[in-house]
Amino acid sequence: MSRLDGLKEAKRGIGVTCRCGKSARITVRNRNLCYECFDQEIERIVDPVGHAERQMRKRVREIDHVV
């Protein structure tokens, strides 16, 4: 399969999966992503400080939940 065929399949969501296991719809920086992972990736690029703060709060909640 050529690279162009892979991109066409990703656009259609056929046979290409995202890293989370869902059907990939968008190809960004040579990675096939679903809409949710694409939103997370863009959020990380556009607002790195805010993303880091949210990740830190999420990890603290997970630790508090375990303890």
N, C-alpha and C. Protein backbone atom coordinates (compact mmCIF):
# COMPACT_ATOMS: atom_id res chain seq x y z
N MET A 1 0.86 -1.17 0.00
CA MET A 1 0.00 0.00 0.00
C MET A 1 0.90 1.23 0.00
N SER A 2 0.60 2.15 -0.88
CA SER A 2 1.39 3.37 -0.94
C SER A 2 0.95 4.34 0.15
N ARG A 3 1.77 5.33 0.37
CA ARG A 3 1.47 6.34 1.39
C ARG A 3 0.18 7.07 1.05
N LEU A 4 -0.02 7.37 -0.24
CA LEU A 4 -1.22 8.07 -0.67
C LEU A 4 -2.46 7.24 -0.39
N ASP A 5 -2.39 5.93 -0.64
CA ASP A 5 -3.52 5.06 -0.33
C ASP A 5 -3.82 5.07 1.16
N GLY A 6 -2.77 5.07 1.98
CA GLY A 6 -2.95 5.12 3.43
C GLY A 6 -3.64 6.40 3.86
N LEU A 7 -3.28 7.53 3.25
CA LEU A 7 -3.91 8.80 3.59
C LEU A 7 -5.37 8.82 3.16
N LYS A 8 -5.65 8.26 2.00
CA LYS A 8 -7.05 8.19 1.54
C LYS A 8 -7.87 7.34 2.49
N GLU A 9 -7.32 6.22 2.91
CA GLU A 9 -8.04 5.36 3.85
C GLU A 9 -8.24 6.07 5.19
N ALA A 10 -7.25 6.80 5.63
CA ALA A 10 -7.39 7.53 6.90
C ALA A 10 -8.48 8.57 6.80
N LYS A 11 -8.57 9.25 5.67
CA LYS A 11 -9.62 10.25 5.50
C LYS A 11 -10.99 9.62 5.55
N ARG A 12 -11.11 8.42 5.01
CA ARG A 12 -12.39 7.72 5.02
C ARG A 12 -12.60 6.94 6.31
N GLY A 13 -11.54 6.73 7.07
CA GLY A 13 -11.66 5.98 8.31
C GLY A 13 -11.76 4.48 8.11
N ILE A 14 -11.17 4.01 7.01
CA ILE A 14 -11.26 2.59 6.67
C ILE A 14 -9.93 1.92 6.97
N GLY A 15 -9.92 0.95 7.84
CA GLY A 15 -8.75 0.14 8.06
C GLY A 15 -7.61 0.79 8.81
N VAL A 16 -7.72 2.03 9.16
CA VAL A 16 -6.65 2.72 9.87
C VAL A 16 -7.18 3.07 11.25
N THR A 17 -6.42 2.70 12.28
CA THR A 17 -6.88 2.98 13.64
C THR A 17 -5.98 4.00 14.32
N CYS A 18 -6.57 4.71 15.23
CA CYS A 18 -5.85 5.69 16.04
C CYS A 18 -5.09 4.93 17.13
N ARG A 19 -4.23 5.64 17.85
CA ARG A 19 -3.48 5.00 18.93
C ARG A 19 -4.39 4.55 20.06
N CYS A 20 -5.59 5.14 20.15
CA CYS A 20 -6.54 4.73 21.20
C CYS A 20 -7.41 3.56 20.76
N GLY A 21 -7.30 3.16 19.49
CA GLY A 21 -8.05 2.02 19.00
C GLY A 21 -9.28 2.37 18.19
N LYS A 22 -9.67 3.65 18.18
CA LYS A 22 -10.82 4.07 17.40
C LYS A 22 -10.42 4.24 15.94
N SER A 23 -11.39 4.41 15.11
CA SER A 23 -11.18 4.62 13.69
C SER A 23 -10.55 5.99 13.47
N ALA A 24 -9.43 6.05 12.75
CA ALA A 24 -8.73 7.31 12.52
C ALA A 24 -9.44 8.11 11.43
N ARG A 25 -9.56 9.41 11.64
CA ARG A 25 -10.22 10.29 10.68
C ARG A 25 -9.31 11.38 10.16
N ILE A 26 -8.24 11.69 10.88
CA ILE A 26 -7.37 12.81 10.54
C ILE A 26 -5.93 12.33 10.55
N THR A 27 -5.14 12.78 9.57
CA THR A 27 -3.72 12.48 9.55
C THR A 27 -2.97 13.76 9.84
N VAL A 28 -2.22 13.76 10.94
CA VAL A 28 -1.47 14.94 11.37
C VAL A 28 -0.04 14.51 11.66
N ARG A 29 0.92 15.20 11.05
CA ARG A 29 2.33 14.90 11.27
C ARG A 29 2.62 13.41 11.14
N ASN A 30 2.10 12.82 10.09
CA ASN A 30 2.29 11.41 9.78
C ASN A 30 1.72 10.47 10.84
N ARG A 31 0.77 10.95 11.62
CA ARG A 31 0.08 10.09 12.60
C ARG A 31 -1.40 10.12 12.28
N ASN A 32 -2.03 8.98 12.37
CA ASN A 32 -3.47 8.87 12.13
C ASN A 32 -4.18 8.99 13.47
N LEU A 33 -5.09 9.96 13.57
CA LEU A 33 -5.76 10.23 14.83
C LEU A 33 -7.28 10.28 14.66
N CYS A 34 -7.98 9.89 15.71
CA CYS A 34 -9.43 10.10 15.75
C CYS A 34 -9.66 11.55 16.18
N TYR A 35 -10.91 11.99 16.16
CA TYR A 35 -11.19 13.38 16.50
C TYR A 35 -10.80 13.73 17.94
N GLU A 36 -11.04 12.81 18.88
CA GLU A 36 -10.73 13.09 20.28
C GLU A 36 -9.22 13.24 20.50
N CYS A 37 -8.44 12.34 19.93
CA CYS A 37 -6.98 12.43 20.08
C CYS A 37 -6.43 13.66 19.35
N PHE A 38 -7.06 14.02 18.23
CA PHE A 38 -6.66 15.22 17.51
C PHE A 38 -6.88 16.45 18.38
N ASP A 39 -8.03 16.53 19.04
CA ASP A 39 -8.31 17.65 19.94
C ASP A 39 -7.29 17.73 21.06
N GLN A 40 -6.92 16.59 21.63
CA GLN A 40 -5.91 16.57 22.69
C GLN A 40 -4.57 17.03 22.17
N GLU A 41 -4.21 16.60 20.98
CA GLU A 41 -2.91 16.97 20.40
C GLU A 41 -2.86 18.47 20.11
N ILE A 42 -3.92 19.01 19.56
CA ILE A 42 -3.97 20.45 19.26
C ILE A 42 -3.94 21.24 20.56
N GLU A 43 -4.65 20.79 21.57
CA GLU A 43 -4.65 21.46 22.88
C GLU A 43 -3.24 21.51 23.45
N ARG A 44 -2.51 20.41 23.31
CA ARG A 44 -1.14 20.35 23.82
C ARG A 44 -0.23 21.32 23.07
N ILE A 45 -0.43 21.47 21.77
CA ILE A 45 0.41 22.36 20.95
C ILE A 45 0.06 23.82 21.19
N VAL A 46 -1.23 24.13 21.24
CA VAL A 46 -1.68 25.52 21.35
C VAL A 46 -1.48 26.08 22.75
N ASP A 47 -1.77 25.28 23.78
CA ASP A 47 -1.69 25.76 25.16
C ASP A 47 -0.90 24.76 26.01
N PRO A 48 0.42 24.72 25.87
CA PRO A 48 1.21 23.72 26.59
C PRO A 48 1.15 23.87 28.11
N VAL A 49 1.10 25.10 28.61
CA VAL A 49 1.07 25.31 30.06
C VAL A 49 -0.26 24.85 30.64
N GLY A 50 -1.34 25.21 29.99
CA GLY A 50 -2.66 24.78 30.45
C GLY A 50 -2.82 23.28 30.39
N HIS A 51 -2.29 22.68 29.35
CA HIS A 51 -2.35 21.23 29.21
C HIS A 51 -1.57 20.55 30.33
N ALA A 52 -0.38 21.07 30.64
CA ALA A 52 0.44 20.50 31.71
C ALA A 52 -0.27 20.61 33.06
N GLU A 53 -0.92 21.75 33.30
CA GLU A 53 -1.65 21.93 34.56
C GLU A 53 -2.80 20.93 34.67
N ARG A 54 -3.54 20.75 33.58
CA ARG A 54 -4.66 19.79 33.61
C ARG A 54 -4.16 18.37 33.82
N GLN A 55 -3.06 18.01 33.18
CA GLN A 55 -2.49 16.67 33.37
C GLN A 55 -2.04 16.47 34.81
N MET A 56 -1.43 17.50 35.40
CA MET A 56 -0.98 17.40 36.78
C MET A 56 -2.17 17.22 37.72
N ARG A 57 -3.24 18.02 37.51
CA ARG A 57 -4.43 17.87 38.35
C ARG A 57 -5.05 16.49 38.20
N LYS A 58 -5.06 15.97 36.98
CA LYS A 58 -5.61 14.64 36.73
C LYS A 58 -4.81 13.57 37.47
N ARG A 59 -3.50 13.67 37.45
CA ARG A 59 -2.64 12.70 38.14
C ARG A 59 -2.82 12.79 39.65
N VAL A 60 -2.94 14.00 40.18
CA VAL A 60 -3.16 14.18 41.62
C VAL A 60 -4.48 13.53 42.02
N ARG A 61 -5.53 13.74 41.21
CA ARG A 61 -6.83 13.10 41.50
C ARG A 61 -6.72 11.59 41.49
N GLU A 62 -5.95 11.04 40.52
CA GLU A 62 -5.78 9.59 40.46
C GLU A 62 -5.05 9.08 41.70
N ILE A 63 -4.04 9.79 42.14
CA ILE A 63 -3.29 9.39 43.34
C ILE A 63 -4.17 9.48 44.57
N ASP A 64 -4.95 10.57 44.68
CA ASP A 64 -5.87 10.71 45.81
C ASP A 64 -6.92 9.61 45.82
N HIS A 65 -7.35 9.20 44.66
CA HIS A 65 -8.36 8.16 44.55
C HIS A 65 -7.82 6.81 45.01
N VAL A 66 -6.57 6.54 44.70
CA VAL A 66 -5.94 5.28 45.07
C VAL A 66 -5.69 5.23 46.58
N VAL A 67 -5.29 6.34 47.14
CA VAL A 67 -4.96 6.40 48.57
C VAL A 67 -6.20 6.52 49.35
